[in-house]
Amino acid sequence: MNKREEDLWQGLDPGARNALTARDYGTASFAQELALRGVDAGELAAADKNQREIKEAWIPGVEIFPRKIHPQRHRGCFGEFVRRDEGILARIGLWPKQWSAARMFANTAKGFHVHPPSVPEGSAAADWLRRLFVDEPENYSLRRYNDEQWDVMFFLEGRVEMILCDIRTGLRRRVMRFFVDGDNHRGNHNVGVVIPPGVAHAIRAEGAEDVIMVYGTSTIFHPEFEGRIASEIESAELPESWQKFLDQSGK
């Protein structure tokens, strides 16, 4: 701590002064913000993925697209999810076979989970995935939507932090961290999110609201497609005294 800082904090006792640290408000690069601190979903939906810095930071196959939420005075609001023959899903040739809904209570999280990529017989996984997402990223006809689970997510209520981590073999590990608003918070951060298999994803409810989400999957639900990584946050332990009582009551 320099002389100026010492003068600034002279009203604190020495122990407290020695423990002080300053928050870093410096501006980081786009890639650093996206991977470490997180950015608003609206910024990603409006981003030019051909721009070099954004392309380097973006997880291949992930799509984040804007949604328009219309207010209906005295009644609520209205917002479309997606149209089969228009927009991003039409472009990439993905139409979900199953739609589901989920509710997350405030202050809870869904731990990282991942769906396995489907690799054609006789192909090396790393070579196949590089072909799909590096060599021929716009050749959507190669994608095996019928054999692997792709997710398309929408948020109706609440606010969430999403964290995506690319763990596909042969591809560079990238992290995308961003914040999405539900339809009840109309604005630029109402988006849809497409997540490829092999990209681990986690969701945290932001603030004091429950979160309601709707998501489509390219396949019907298969339990074997659900891989868990660092998902202990979903296992709420009973208080120690409660567990002790239950253990004893069975004797």
C-alpha atoms as a PDB file:
ATOM      1  CA  MET A   1       0.000   0.000   0.000  1.00  0.00           C
ATOM      2  CA  ASN A   2       1.534   3.339  -1.068  1.00  0.00           C
ATOM      3  CA  LYS A   3       1.545   6.590   0.919  1.00  0.00           C
ATOM      4  CA  ARG A   4      -1.609   7.924  -0.727  1.00  0.00           C
ATOM      5  CA  GLU A   5      -3.514   4.729   0.047  1.00  0.00           C
ATOM      6  CA  GLU A   6      -2.243   4.729   3.623  1.00  0.00           C
ATOM      7  CA  ASP A   7      -3.576   8.265   4.092  1.00  0.00           C
ATOM      8  CA  LEU A   8      -6.915   7.294   2.579  1.00  0.00           C
ATOM      9  CA  TRP A   9      -7.394   4.369   4.976  1.00  0.00           C
ATOM     10  CA  GLN A  10      -5.715   5.821   8.063  1.00  0.00           C
ATOM     11  CA  GLY A  11      -9.006   5.651   9.958  1.00  0.00           C
ATOM     12  CA  LEU A  12      -8.880   1.839   9.997  1.00  0.00           C
ATOM     13  CA  ASP A  13      -6.821  -0.322  12.324  1.00  0.00           C
ATOM     14  CA  PRO A  14      -3.599  -1.797  10.849  1.00  0.00           C
ATOM     15  CA  GLY A  15      -4.956  -5.339  10.634  1.00  0.00           C
ATOM     16  CA  ALA A  16      -7.937  -4.238   8.552  1.00  0.00           C
ATOM     17  CA  ARG A  17      -5.743  -2.020   6.348  1.00  0.00           C
ATOM     18  CA  ASN A  18      -3.437  -4.930   5.581  1.00  0.00           C
ATOM     19  CA  ALA A  19      -6.387  -7.071   4.557  1.00  0.00           C
ATOM     20  CA  LEU A  20      -7.788  -4.541   2.072  1.00  0.00           C
ATOM     21  CA  THR A  21      -7.921  -5.310  -1.630  1.00  0.00           C
ATOM     22  CA  ALA A  22      -9.279  -3.174  -4.448  1.00  0.00           C
ATOM     23  CA  ARG A  23     -11.924  -4.350  -6.879  1.00  0.00           C
ATOM     24  CA  ASP A  24     -10.713  -4.345 -10.479  1.00  0.00           C
ATOM     25  CA  TYR A  25     -12.992  -2.120 -12.573  1.00  0.00           C
ATOM     26  CA  GLY A  26     -10.680  -2.207 -15.560  1.00  0.00           C
ATOM     27  CA  THR A  27     -12.077  -3.061 -18.984  1.00  0.00           C
ATOM     28  CA  ALA A  28     -11.033  -6.496 -20.218  1.00  0.00           C
ATOM     29  CA  SER A  29     -11.114  -7.826 -23.761  1.00  0.00           C
ATOM     30  CA  PHE A  30     -14.330  -9.308 -25.129  1.00  0.00           C
ATOM     31  CA  ALA A  31     -12.915 -12.827 -24.808  1.00  0.00           C
ATOM     32  CA  GLN A  32     -11.923 -12.250 -21.175  1.00  0.00           C
ATOM     33  CA  GLU A  33     -15.292 -10.745 -20.264  1.00  0.00           C
ATOM     34  CA  LEU A  34     -17.152 -13.603 -21.949  1.00  0.00           C
ATOM     35  CA  ALA A  35     -15.083 -16.332 -20.310  1.00  0.00           C
ATOM     36  CA  LEU A  36     -14.548 -14.874 -16.844  1.00  0.00           C
ATOM     37  CA  ARG A  37     -17.073 -12.242 -15.765  1.00  0.00           C
ATOM     38  CA  GLY A  38     -19.924 -12.763 -18.186  1.00  0.00           C
ATOM     39  CA  VAL A  39     -21.722 -10.485 -20.639  1.00  0.00           C
ATOM     40  CA  ASP A  40     -25.365  -9.659 -21.292  1.00  0.00           C
ATOM     41  CA  ALA A  41     -27.121 -11.960 -23.744  1.00  0.00           C
ATOM     42  CA  GLY A  42     -28.230  -9.019 -25.866  1.00  0.00           C
ATOM     43  CA  GLU A  43     -24.609  -8.192 -26.587  1.00  0.00           C
ATOM     44  CA  LEU A  44     -24.041 -11.714 -27.874  1.00  0.00           C
ATOM     45  CA  ALA A  45     -27.243 -11.795 -29.921  1.00  0.00           C
ATOM     46  CA  ALA A  46     -26.138  -8.615 -31.705  1.00  0.00           C
ATOM     47  CA  ALA A  47     -22.488  -9.658 -32.114  1.00  0.00           C
ATOM     48  CA  ASP A  48     -20.872 -10.182 -35.503  1.00  0.00           C
ATOM     49  CA  LYS A  49     -19.483 -13.711 -35.215  1.00  0.00           C
ATOM     50  CA  ASN A  50     -17.238 -13.103 -38.220  1.00  0.00           C
ATOM     51  CA  GLN A  51     -15.322 -10.469 -36.292  1.00  0.00           C
ATOM     52  CA  ARG A  52     -12.009 -12.043 -35.351  1.00  0.00           C
ATOM     53  CA  GLU A  53     -12.089 -11.465 -31.582  1.00  0.00           C
ATOM     54  CA  ILE A  54     -15.665 -12.711 -31.291  1.00  0.00           C
ATOM     55  CA  LYS A  55     -15.038 -15.708 -33.536  1.00  0.00           C
ATOM     56  CA  GLU A  56     -12.040 -16.726 -31.412  1.00  0.00           C
ATOM     57  CA  ALA A  57     -14.082 -16.572 -28.196  1.00  0.00           C
ATOM     58  CA  TRP A  58     -17.309 -18.143 -29.490  1.00  0.00           C
ATOM     59  CA  ILE A  59     -18.021 -21.847 -28.949  1.00  0.00           C
ATOM     60  CA  PRO A  60     -18.636 -23.426 -32.389  1.00  0.00           C
ATOM     61  CA  GLY A  61     -22.216 -24.538 -32.888  1.00  0.00           C
ATOM     62  CA  VAL A  62     -23.673 -22.317 -30.155  1.00  0.00           C
ATOM     63  CA  GLU A  63     -26.379 -19.924 -31.365  1.00  0.00           C
ATOM     64  CA  ILE A  64     -27.807 -16.982 -29.409  1.00  0.00           C
ATOM     65  CA  PHE A  65     -30.640 -15.186 -31.153  1.00  0.00           C
ATOM     66  CA  PRO A  66     -32.874 -12.261 -30.156  1.00  0.00           C
ATOM     67  CA  ARG A  67     -36.555 -12.542 -29.321  1.00  0.00           C
ATOM     68  CA  LYS A  68     -39.153  -9.768 -29.370  1.00  0.00           C
ATOM     69  CA  ILE A  69     -41.532  -9.673 -26.415  1.00  0.00           C
ATOM     70  CA  HIS A  70     -44.689  -7.647 -27.026  1.00  0.00           C
ATOM     71  CA  PRO A  71     -46.535  -6.011 -24.113  1.00  0.00           C
ATOM     72  CA  GLN A  72     -50.268  -6.574 -23.946  1.00  0.00           C
ATOM     73  CA  ARG A  73     -51.557  -3.774 -21.785  1.00  0.00           C
ATOM     74  CA  HIS A  74     -53.506  -4.813 -18.685  1.00  0.00           C
ATOM     75  CA  ARG A  75     -53.030  -8.490 -19.607  1.00  0.00           C
ATOM     76  CA  GLY A  76     -49.333  -9.378 -19.767  1.00  0.00           C
ATOM     77  CA  CYS A  77     -47.102 -10.019 -22.738  1.00  0.00           C
ATOM     78  CA  PHE A  78     -46.670 -12.190 -25.830  1.00  0.00           C
ATOM     79  CA  GLY A  79     -43.514 -13.594 -27.363  1.00  0.00           C
ATOM     80  CA  GLU A  80     -42.805 -16.175 -30.050  1.00  0.00           C
ATOM     81  CA  PHE A  81     -40.217 -18.876 -29.475  1.00  0.00           C
ATOM     82  CA  VAL A  82     -39.218 -19.838 -32.993  1.00  0.00           C
ATOM     83  CA  ARG A  83     -40.715 -20.615 -36.402  1.00  0.00           C
ATOM     84  CA  ARG A  84     -39.833 -23.914 -38.027  1.00  0.00           C
ATOM     85  CA  ASP A  85     -39.272 -22.479 -41.514  1.00  0.00           C
ATOM     86  CA  GLU A  86     -37.696 -19.137 -40.585  1.00  0.00           C
ATOM     87  CA  GLY A  87     -34.751 -17.823 -38.629  1.00  0.00           C
ATOM     88  CA  ILE A  88     -31.774 -19.605 -37.131  1.00  0.00           C
ATOM     89  CA  LEU A  89     -33.337 -23.035 -36.629  1.00  0.00           C
ATOM     90  CA  ALA A  90     -34.439 -23.102 -40.257  1.00  0.00           C
ATOM     91  CA  ARG A  91     -30.936 -22.074 -41.355  1.00  0.00           C
ATOM     92  CA  ILE A  92     -29.186 -24.817 -39.406  1.00  0.00           C
ATOM     93  CA  GLY A  93     -31.883 -27.425 -40.166  1.00  0.00           C
ATOM     94  CA  LEU A  94     -32.831 -28.177 -36.563  1.00  0.00           C
ATOM     95  CA  TRP A  95     -36.396 -28.725 -35.418  1.00  0.00           C
ATOM     96  CA  PRO A  96     -36.913 -30.250 -31.932  1.00  0.00           C
ATOM     97  CA  LYS A  97     -38.687 -33.572 -31.546  1.00  0.00           C
ATOM     98  CA  GLN A  98     -39.612 -32.878 -27.919  1.00  0.00           C
ATOM     99  CA  TRP A  99     -40.550 -29.731 -25.991  1.00  0.00           C
ATOM    100  CA  SER A 100     -40.347 -29.561 -22.198  1.00  0.00           C
ATOM    101  CA  ALA A 101     -40.697 -27.029 -19.396  1.00  0.00           C
ATOM    102  CA  ALA A 102     -38.819 -26.604 -16.138  1.00  0.00           C
ATOM    103  CA  ARG A 103     -39.011 -24.382 -13.092  1.00  0.00           C
ATOM    104  CA  MET A 104     -36.013 -23.387 -10.990  1.00  0.00           C
ATOM    105  CA  PHE A 105     -36.608 -21.902  -7.572  1.00  0.00           C
ATOM    106  CA  ALA A 106     -34.858 -18.640  -6.725  1.00  0.00           C
ATOM    107  CA  ASN A 107     -31.263 -19.018  -5.508  1.00  0.00           C
ATOM    108  CA  THR A 108     -30.855 -22.475  -7.051  1.00  0.00           C
ATOM    109  CA  ALA A 109     -28.753 -23.832  -9.896  1.00  0.00           C
ATOM    110  CA  LYS A 110     -28.558 -26.684 -12.366  1.00  0.00           C
ATOM    111  CA  GLY A 111     -25.062 -28.153 -12.296  1.00  0.00           C
ATOM    112  CA  PHE A 112     -23.014 -28.829 -15.407  1.00  0.00           C
ATOM    113  CA  HIS A 113     -24.388 -31.505 -17.641  1.00  0.00           C
ATOM    114  CA  VAL A 114     -23.476 -32.534 -21.168  1.00  0.00           C
ATOM    115  CA  HIS A 115     -24.885 -34.646 -23.996  1.00  0.00           C
ATOM    116  CA  PRO A 116     -22.604 -36.958 -26.017  1.00  0.00           C
ATOM    117  CA  PRO A 117     -21.772 -36.102 -29.644  1.00  0.00           C
ATOM    118  CA  SER A 118     -22.625 -38.805 -32.152  1.00  0.00           C
ATOM    119  CA  VAL A 119     -19.579 -39.922 -34.157  1.00  0.00           C
ATOM    120  CA  PRO A 120     -20.070 -41.979 -37.361  1.00  0.00           C
ATOM    121  CA  GLU A 121     -18.732 -45.507 -37.236  1.00  0.00           C
ATOM    122  CA  GLY A 122     -15.190 -45.662 -38.580  1.00  0.00           C
ATOM    123  CA  SER A 123     -14.473 -41.975 -37.878  1.00  0.00           C
ATOM    124  CA  ALA A 124     -12.087 -40.641 -35.271  1.00  0.00           C
ATOM    125  CA  ALA A 125     -14.048 -38.397 -32.884  1.00  0.00           C
ATOM    126  CA  ALA A 126     -11.561 -35.502 -32.997  1.00  0.00           C
ATOM    127  CA  ASP A 127     -11.378 -35.555 -36.803  1.00  0.00           C
ATOM    128  CA  TRP A 128     -15.160 -35.720 -37.148  1.00  0.00           C
ATOM    129  CA  LEU A 129     -15.821 -32.835 -34.766  1.00  0.00           C
ATOM    130  CA  ARG A 130     -13.167 -30.673 -36.395  1.00  0.00           C
ATOM    131  CA  ARG A 131     -14.756 -31.335 -39.775  1.00  0.00           C
ATOM    132  CA  LEU A 132     -18.191 -30.357 -38.431  1.00  0.00           C
ATOM    133  CA  PHE A 133     -17.265 -27.204 -36.575  1.00  0.00           C
ATOM    134  CA  VAL A 134     -13.924 -26.005 -37.970  1.00  0.00           C
ATOM    135  CA  ASP A 135     -13.486 -27.209 -41.543  1.00  0.00           C
ATOM    136  CA  GLU A 136     -17.135 -27.186 -42.705  1.00  0.00           C
ATOM    137  CA  PRO A 137     -19.047 -25.196 -40.061  1.00  0.00           C
ATOM    138  CA  GLU A 138     -21.849 -24.182 -42.452  1.00  0.00           C
ATOM    139  CA  ASN A 139     -22.410 -27.637 -43.900  1.00  0.00           C
ATOM    140  CA  TYR A 140     -25.384 -28.244 -41.626  1.00  0.00           C
ATOM    141  CA  SER A 141     -26.408 -31.382 -43.521  1.00  0.00           C
ATOM    142  CA  LEU A 142     -23.530 -33.203 -41.796  1.00  0.00           C
ATOM    143  CA  ARG A 143     -25.051 -32.719 -38.358  1.00  0.00           C
ATOM    144  CA  ARG A 144     -26.536 -35.812 -36.750  1.00  0.00           C
ATOM    145  CA  TYR A 145     -29.569 -34.226 -35.082  1.00  0.00           C
ATOM    146  CA  ASN A 146     -31.440 -37.546 -34.997  1.00  0.00           C
ATOM    147  CA  ASP A 147     -28.649 -39.297 -33.091  1.00  0.00           C
ATOM    148  CA  GLU A 148     -27.520 -36.695 -30.548  1.00  0.00           C
ATOM    149  CA  GLN A 149     -29.228 -34.182 -28.299  1.00  0.00           C
ATOM    150  CA  TRP A 150     -29.083 -30.509 -29.211  1.00  0.00           C
ATOM    151  CA  ASP A 151     -30.905 -28.125 -26.860  1.00  0.00           C
ATOM    152  CA  VAL A 152     -32.872 -24.997 -27.757  1.00  0.00           C
ATOM    153  CA  MET A 153     -33.650 -22.969 -24.633  1.00  0.00           C
ATOM    154  CA  PHE A 154     -36.015 -20.093 -23.859  1.00  0.00           C
ATOM    155  CA  PHE A 155     -36.713 -18.303 -20.588  1.00  0.00           C
ATOM    156  CA  LEU A 156     -40.208 -17.091 -19.717  1.00  0.00           C
ATOM    157  CA  GLU A 157     -39.710 -15.720 -16.215  1.00  0.00           C
ATOM    158  CA  GLY A 158     -36.817 -14.646 -14.038  1.00  0.00           C
ATOM    159  CA  ARG A 159     -33.197 -13.988 -14.879  1.00  0.00           C
ATOM    160  CA  VAL A 160     -30.387 -16.523 -15.269  1.00  0.00           C
ATOM    161  CA  GLU A 161     -26.662 -16.806 -15.660  1.00  0.00           C
ATOM    162  CA  MET A 162     -25.657 -19.455 -18.194  1.00  0.00           C
ATOM    163  CA  ILE A 163     -22.184 -20.944 -18.384  1.00  0.00           C
ATOM    164  CA  LEU A 164     -21.134 -23.034 -21.388  1.00  0.00           C
ATOM    165  CA  CYS A 165     -17.867 -24.954 -21.633  1.00  0.00           C
ATOM    166  CA  ASP A 166     -16.696 -26.712 -24.796  1.00  0.00           C
ATOM    167  CA  ILE A 167     -15.256 -30.113 -23.847  1.00  0.00           C
ATOM    168  CA  ARG A 168     -15.377 -31.780 -27.267  1.00  0.00           C
ATOM    169  CA  THR A 169     -12.268 -33.691 -28.207  1.00  0.00           C
ATOM    170  CA  GLY A 170     -10.218 -32.043 -30.944  1.00  0.00           C
ATOM    171  CA  LEU A 171     -11.688 -28.571 -30.315  1.00  0.00           C
ATOM    172  CA  ARG A 172     -10.178 -25.783 -28.273  1.00  0.00           C
ATOM    173  CA  ARG A 173     -11.645 -25.408 -24.799  1.00  0.00           C
ATOM    174  CA  ARG A 174     -13.722 -22.226 -24.639  1.00  0.00           C
ATOM    175  CA  VAL A 175     -16.038 -20.814 -21.981  1.00  0.00           C
ATOM    176  CA  MET A 176     -19.055 -18.571 -22.586  1.00  0.00           C
ATOM    177  CA  ARG A 177     -20.718 -16.919 -19.597  1.00  0.00           C
ATOM    178  CA  PHE A 178     -23.756 -14.700 -20.117  1.00  0.00           C
ATOM    179  CA  PHE A 179     -26.977 -13.405 -18.561  1.00  0.00           C
ATOM    180  CA  VAL A 180     -30.458 -13.969 -20.001  1.00  0.00           C
ATOM    181  CA  ASP A 181     -33.720 -12.218 -19.033  1.00  0.00           C
ATOM    182  CA  GLY A 182     -37.079 -13.943 -18.997  1.00  0.00           C
ATOM    183  CA  ASP A 183     -40.053 -12.591 -20.952  1.00  0.00           C
ATOM    184  CA  ASN A 184     -41.337 -10.763 -17.872  1.00  0.00           C
ATOM    185  CA  HIS A 185     -38.257  -8.506 -18.186  1.00  0.00           C
ATOM    186  CA  ARG A 186     -38.731  -7.184 -21.709  1.00  0.00           C
ATOM    187  CA  GLY A 187     -35.588  -5.922 -23.360  1.00  0.00           C
ATOM    188  CA  ASN A 188     -32.527  -6.754 -25.428  1.00  0.00           C
ATOM    189  CA  HIS A 189     -31.598  -9.715 -23.248  1.00  0.00           C
ATOM    190  CA  ASN A 190     -34.622 -11.863 -24.210  1.00  0.00           C
ATOM    191  CA  VAL A 191     -32.938 -14.527 -26.350  1.00  0.00           C
ATOM    192  CA  GLY A 192     -33.052 -18.127 -27.448  1.00  0.00           C
ATOM    193  CA  VAL A 193     -29.968 -20.332 -26.994  1.00  0.00           C
ATOM    194  CA  VAL A 194     -28.876 -23.352 -29.059  1.00  0.00           C
ATOM    195  CA  ILE A 195     -26.417 -25.700 -27.308  1.00  0.00           C
ATOM    196  CA  PRO A 196     -24.647 -28.511 -29.216  1.00  0.00           C
ATOM    197  CA  PRO A 197     -23.795 -31.902 -27.711  1.00  0.00           C
ATOM    198  CA  GLY A 198     -20.349 -31.938 -26.147  1.00  0.00           C
ATOM    199  CA  VAL A 199     -20.815 -28.456 -24.689  1.00  0.00           C
ATOM    200  CA  ALA A 200     -21.290 -28.673 -20.918  1.00  0.00           C
ATOM    201  CA  HIS A 201     -23.840 -26.208 -19.581  1.00  0.00           C
ATOM    202  CA  ALA A 202     -24.947 -24.888 -16.198  1.00  0.00           C
ATOM    203  CA  ILE A 203     -27.647 -22.403 -15.179  1.00  0.00           C
ATOM    204  CA  ARG A 204     -27.983 -20.252 -12.059  1.00  0.00           C
ATOM    205  CA  ALA A 205     -31.100 -18.323 -11.080  1.00  0.00           C
ATOM    206  CA  GLU A 206     -30.271 -14.635 -10.646  1.00  0.00           C
ATOM    207  CA  GLY A 207     -31.973 -12.610  -7.946  1.00  0.00           C
ATOM    208  CA  ALA A 208     -35.031 -13.497  -5.878  1.00  0.00           C
ATOM    209  CA  GLU A 209     -37.319 -14.778  -8.672  1.00  0.00           C
ATOM    210  CA  ASP A 210     -38.130 -18.310  -9.714  1.00  0.00           C
ATOM    211  CA  VAL A 211     -37.100 -19.149 -13.266  1.00  0.00           C
ATOM    212  CA  ILE A 212     -39.426 -20.781 -15.805  1.00  0.00           C
ATOM    213  CA  MET A 213     -37.864 -22.147 -18.971  1.00  0.00           C
ATOM    214  CA  VAL A 214     -39.041 -23.998 -22.067  1.00  0.00           C
ATOM    215  CA  TYR A 215     -36.643 -26.048 -24.133  1.00  0.00           C
ATOM    216  CA  GLY A 216     -36.715 -28.198 -27.205  1.00  0.00           C
ATOM    217  CA  THR A 217     -34.448 -31.160 -27.893  1.00  0.00           C
ATOM    218  CA  SER A 218     -33.437 -32.655 -31.225  1.00  0.00           C
ATOM    219  CA  THR A 219     -34.190 -36.148 -29.877  1.00  0.00           C
ATOM    220  CA  ILE A 220     -36.745 -37.449 -27.427  1.00  0.00           C
ATOM    221  CA  PHE A 221     -35.455 -37.815 -23.865  1.00  0.00           C
ATOM    222  CA  HIS A 222     -32.835 -40.555 -23.420  1.00  0.00           C
ATOM    223  CA  PRO A 223     -31.428 -40.916 -19.874  1.00  0.00           C
ATOM    224  CA  GLU A 224     -28.157 -42.256 -21.290  1.00  0.00           C
ATOM    225  CA  PHE A 225     -27.608 -38.929 -23.094  1.00  0.00           C
ATOM    226  CA  GLU A 226     -27.421 -37.078 -19.756  1.00  0.00           C
ATOM    227  CA  GLY A 227     -23.850 -36.813 -18.445  1.00  0.00           C
ATOM    228  CA  ARG A 228     -23.223 -35.015 -15.131  1.00  0.00           C
ATOM    229  CA  ILE A 229     -20.095 -33.020 -14.280  1.00  0.00           C
ATOM    230  CA  ALA A 230     -19.647 -31.076 -11.024  1.00  0.00           C
ATOM    231  CA  SER A 231     -23.397 -31.177 -10.371  1.00  0.00           C
ATOM    232  CA  GLU A 232     -23.190 -31.536  -6.573  1.00  0.00           C
ATOM    233  CA  ILE A 233     -24.878 -28.142  -6.219  1.00  0.00           C
ATOM    234  CA  GLU A 234     -28.168 -29.878  -7.028  1.00  0.00           C
ATOM    235  CA  SER A 235     -27.884 -32.207  -4.001  1.00  0.00           C
ATOM    236  CA  ALA A 236     -29.146 -30.286  -0.988  1.00  0.00           C
ATOM    237  CA  GLU A 237     -27.884 -31.918   2.185  1.00  0.00           C
ATOM    238  CA  LEU A 238     -30.110 -32.164   5.260  1.00  0.00           C
ATOM    239  CA  PRO A 239     -28.909 -30.289   8.354  1.00  0.00           C
ATOM    240  CA  GLU A 240     -26.446 -32.425  10.318  1.00  0.00           C
ATOM    241  CA  SER A 241     -28.769 -32.660  13.333  1.00  0.00           C
ATOM    242  CA  TRP A 242     -31.643 -33.856  11.118  1.00  0.00           C
ATOM    243  CA  GLN A 243     -29.510 -36.530   9.481  1.00  0.00           C
ATOM    244  CA  LYS A 244     -28.235 -37.682  12.880  1.00  0.00           C
ATOM    245  CA  PHE A 245     -31.819 -38.008  14.126  1.00  0.00           C
ATOM    246  CA  LEU A 246     -32.874 -39.982  11.038  1.00  0.00           C
ATOM    247  CA  ASP A 247     -29.877 -42.308  11.334  1.00  0.00           C
ATOM    248  CA  GLN A 248     -30.690 -43.030  14.962  1.00  0.00           C
ATOM    249  CA  SER A 249     -34.420 -43.493  14.393  1.00  0.00           C
ATOM    250  CA  GLY A 250     -33.773 -46.479  12.200  1.00  0.00           C
ATOM    251  CA  LYS A 251     -32.009 -48.425  14.954  1.00  0.00           C
END
